[in-house]
């Protein structure tokens, strides 16, 4: 029985590697239930996060310097 399972796994891996022997995989369409659409992060949000991180880093450096 283990030989049958081993052969089955080997055949499956071989088929997957060569791209033969199986049903074709349908392409993923944006917005399909398997992959929901996530809105892109706008440039304004990225700029605001960068400014906030810069202020936080500057605050840490100022506190360390002024001690």
N, C-alpha and C. Protein backbone atom coordinates (compact mmCIF):
# COMPACT_ATOMS: atom_id res chain seq x y z
N UNK A 1 0.81 -1.19 0.00
CA UNK A 1 0.00 0.00 0.00
C UNK A 1 0.86 1.27 0.00
N UNK A 2 1.93 1.37 0.79
CA UNK A 2 2.76 2.58 0.75
C UNK A 2 3.38 2.81 -0.63
N UNK A 3 3.68 1.71 -1.37
CA UNK A 3 4.22 1.89 -2.71
C UNK A 3 3.21 2.56 -3.63
N UNK A 4 1.93 2.22 -3.47
CA UNK A 4 0.88 2.84 -4.28
C UNK A 4 0.77 4.32 -3.97
N UNK A 5 0.84 4.67 -2.71
CA UNK A 5 0.75 6.08 -2.32
C UNK A 5 1.96 6.86 -2.82
N UNK A 6 3.12 6.22 -2.70
CA UNK A 6 4.34 6.88 -3.16
C UNK A 6 4.31 7.11 -4.67
N UNK A 7 3.82 6.13 -5.41
CA UNK A 7 3.72 6.26 -6.87
C UNK A 7 2.69 7.34 -7.22
N UNK A 8 1.58 7.39 -6.48
CA UNK A 8 0.55 8.39 -6.74
C UNK A 8 1.10 9.80 -6.52
N UNK A 9 1.86 9.98 -5.44
CA UNK A 9 2.44 11.30 -5.17
C UNK A 9 3.48 11.64 -6.23
N UNK A 10 4.30 10.67 -6.61
CA UNK A 10 5.32 10.93 -7.62
C UNK A 10 4.68 11.29 -8.96
N UNK A 11 3.61 10.59 -9.33
CA UNK A 11 2.91 10.92 -10.58
C UNK A 11 2.29 12.31 -10.52
N UNK A 12 1.73 12.64 -9.39
CA UNK A 12 1.11 13.97 -9.24
C UNK A 12 2.15 15.07 -9.33
N UNK A 13 3.30 14.88 -8.68
CA UNK A 13 4.36 15.88 -8.74
C UNK A 13 4.93 16.01 -10.15
N UNK A 14 5.08 14.89 -10.83
CA UNK A 14 5.59 14.91 -12.20
C UNK A 14 4.61 15.64 -13.11
N UNK A 15 3.31 15.36 -12.94
CA UNK A 15 2.30 16.03 -13.77
C UNK A 15 2.27 17.52 -13.49
N UNK A 16 2.45 17.88 -12.22
CA UNK A 16 2.45 19.30 -11.88
C UNK A 16 3.68 19.99 -12.47
N UNK A 17 4.82 19.33 -12.42
CA UNK A 17 6.06 19.93 -12.93
C UNK A 17 6.02 20.11 -14.44
N UNK A 18 5.42 19.16 -15.14
CA UNK A 18 5.39 19.26 -16.60
C UNK A 18 4.18 20.03 -17.09
N UNK A 19 3.22 20.27 -16.22
CA UNK A 19 2.03 21.01 -16.61
C UNK A 19 1.04 20.18 -17.38
N UNK A 20 1.13 18.87 -17.26
CA UNK A 20 0.20 18.00 -17.96
C UNK A 20 -0.55 17.16 -16.95
N UNK A 21 -1.59 16.52 -17.44
CA UNK A 21 -2.30 15.56 -16.61
C UNK A 21 -3.11 16.22 -15.51
N UNK A 22 -4.12 16.89 -15.86
CA UNK A 22 -4.97 17.50 -14.86
C UNK A 22 -5.86 18.55 -15.49
N UNK A 23 -6.75 19.04 -14.71
CA UNK A 23 -7.64 20.08 -15.21
C UNK A 23 -6.89 21.40 -15.23
N UNK A 24 -7.13 22.21 -16.24
CA UNK A 24 -6.47 23.52 -16.26
C UNK A 24 -7.00 24.40 -15.13
N UNK A 25 -6.12 25.19 -14.59
CA UNK A 25 -6.49 26.09 -13.50
C UNK A 25 -7.03 27.37 -14.10
N UNK A 26 -8.25 27.76 -13.73
CA UNK A 26 -8.80 28.99 -14.29
C UNK A 26 -8.05 30.20 -13.73
N UNK A 27 -7.91 31.26 -14.53
CA UNK A 27 -7.23 32.45 -14.03
C UNK A 27 -8.05 33.12 -12.94
N UNK A 28 -7.34 33.76 -12.03
CA UNK A 28 -8.01 34.48 -10.94
C UNK A 28 -8.43 35.85 -11.46
N UNK A 29 -9.71 36.12 -11.37
CA UNK A 29 -10.26 37.39 -11.83
C UNK A 29 -10.36 38.33 -10.63
N UNK A 30 -9.85 39.56 -10.73
CA UNK A 30 -9.97 40.48 -9.61
C UNK A 30 -11.43 40.66 -9.21
N UNK A 31 -11.69 40.60 -7.94
CA UNK A 31 -13.04 40.74 -7.45
C UNK A 31 -13.78 39.42 -7.32
N UNK A 32 -13.11 38.32 -7.66
CA UNK A 32 -13.75 37.02 -7.52
C UNK A 32 -13.78 36.65 -6.05
N UNK A 33 -14.66 35.76 -5.66
CA UNK A 33 -14.76 35.39 -4.25
C UNK A 33 -13.46 34.82 -3.68
N UNK A 34 -12.62 34.22 -4.52
CA UNK A 34 -11.38 33.65 -4.01
C UNK A 34 -10.34 34.72 -3.70
N UNK A 35 -10.44 35.87 -4.33
CA UNK A 35 -9.49 36.95 -4.08
C UNK A 35 -10.22 38.29 -4.15
N UNK A 36 -10.62 38.84 -3.00
CA UNK A 36 -11.35 40.11 -3.02
C UNK A 36 -10.44 41.27 -3.44
N UNK A 37 -11.05 42.28 -4.01
CA UNK A 37 -10.29 43.46 -4.45
C UNK A 37 -9.98 44.33 -3.24
N UNK A 38 -8.72 44.70 -3.12
CA UNK A 38 -8.31 45.59 -2.04
C UNK A 38 -7.92 46.92 -2.65
N UNK A 39 -8.52 48.01 -2.20
CA UNK A 39 -8.18 49.30 -2.81
C UNK A 39 -6.72 49.65 -2.57
N UNK A 40 -6.14 50.31 -3.57
CA UNK A 40 -4.73 50.70 -3.48
C UNK A 40 -4.58 51.85 -2.48
N UNK A 41 -3.44 51.87 -1.82
CA UNK A 41 -3.13 52.92 -0.86
C UNK A 41 -2.75 54.17 -1.64
N UNK A 42 -3.44 55.26 -1.38
CA UNK A 42 -3.20 56.49 -2.12
C UNK A 42 -1.88 57.14 -1.75
N UNK A 43 -1.40 58.01 -2.62
CA UNK A 43 -0.13 58.69 -2.39
C UNK A 43 -0.21 59.61 -1.18
N UNK A 44 -1.38 60.17 -0.92
CA UNK A 44 -1.55 61.03 0.25
C UNK A 44 -1.33 60.29 1.56
N UNK A 45 -1.88 59.05 1.62
CA UNK A 45 -1.70 58.25 2.83
C UNK A 45 -0.24 57.87 3.03
N UNK A 46 0.43 57.53 1.95
CA UNK A 46 1.84 57.15 2.05
C UNK A 46 2.66 58.35 2.52
N UNK A 47 2.38 59.53 1.99
CA UNK A 47 3.10 60.73 2.40
C UNK A 47 2.84 61.04 3.86
N UNK A 48 1.59 60.91 4.30
CA UNK A 48 1.26 61.19 5.70
C UNK A 48 1.95 60.20 6.64
N UNK A 49 1.99 58.94 6.28
CA UNK A 49 2.67 57.95 7.12
C UNK A 49 4.16 58.24 7.18
N UNK A 50 4.76 58.63 6.05
CA UNK A 50 6.18 58.96 6.03
C UNK A 50 6.49 60.15 6.92
N UNK A 51 5.64 61.17 6.87
CA UNK A 51 5.84 62.35 7.72
C UNK A 51 5.71 61.99 9.19
N UNK A 52 4.71 61.18 9.54
CA UNK A 52 4.53 60.78 10.93
C UNK A 52 5.70 59.95 11.43
N UNK A 53 6.21 59.04 10.60
CA UNK A 53 7.37 58.26 11.00
C UNK A 53 8.60 59.14 11.17
N UNK A 54 8.76 60.14 10.31
CA UNK A 54 9.87 61.07 10.43
C UNK A 54 9.78 61.89 11.70
N UNK A 55 8.57 62.34 12.03
CA UNK A 55 8.39 63.08 13.29
C UNK A 55 8.68 62.20 14.50
N UNK A 56 8.24 60.97 14.46
CA UNK A 56 8.49 60.06 15.58
C UNK A 56 9.99 59.81 15.73
N UNK A 57 10.68 59.58 14.63
CA UNK A 57 12.13 59.35 14.70
C UNK A 57 12.85 60.60 15.20
N UNK A 58 12.43 61.76 14.74
CA UNK A 58 13.03 63.01 15.20
C UNK A 58 12.80 63.23 16.68
N UNK A 59 11.63 62.88 17.18
CA UNK A 59 11.33 63.02 18.60
C UNK A 59 12.22 62.11 19.43
N UNK A 60 12.40 60.89 18.98
CA UNK A 60 13.26 59.96 19.71
C UNK A 60 14.70 60.48 19.74
N UNK A 61 15.18 60.97 18.62
CA UNK A 61 16.56 61.50 18.57
C UNK A 61 16.69 62.73 19.45
N UNK A 62 15.68 63.60 19.48
CA UNK A 62 15.73 64.80 20.32
C UNK A 62 15.73 64.42 21.80
N UNK A 63 14.92 63.46 22.19
CA UNK A 63 14.89 63.06 23.60
C UNK A 63 16.21 62.45 24.01
N UNK A 64 16.80 61.64 23.15
CA UNK A 64 18.11 61.04 23.47
C UNK A 64 19.20 62.12 23.55
N UNK A 65 19.15 63.09 22.66
CA UNK A 65 20.16 64.15 22.61
C UNK A 65 20.06 65.08 23.81
N UNK A 66 18.85 65.41 24.23
CA UNK A 66 18.66 66.37 25.30
C UNK A 66 18.82 65.78 26.69
N UNK A 67 19.04 64.51 26.81
CA UNK A 67 19.25 63.90 28.14
C UNK A 67 20.59 64.19 28.69
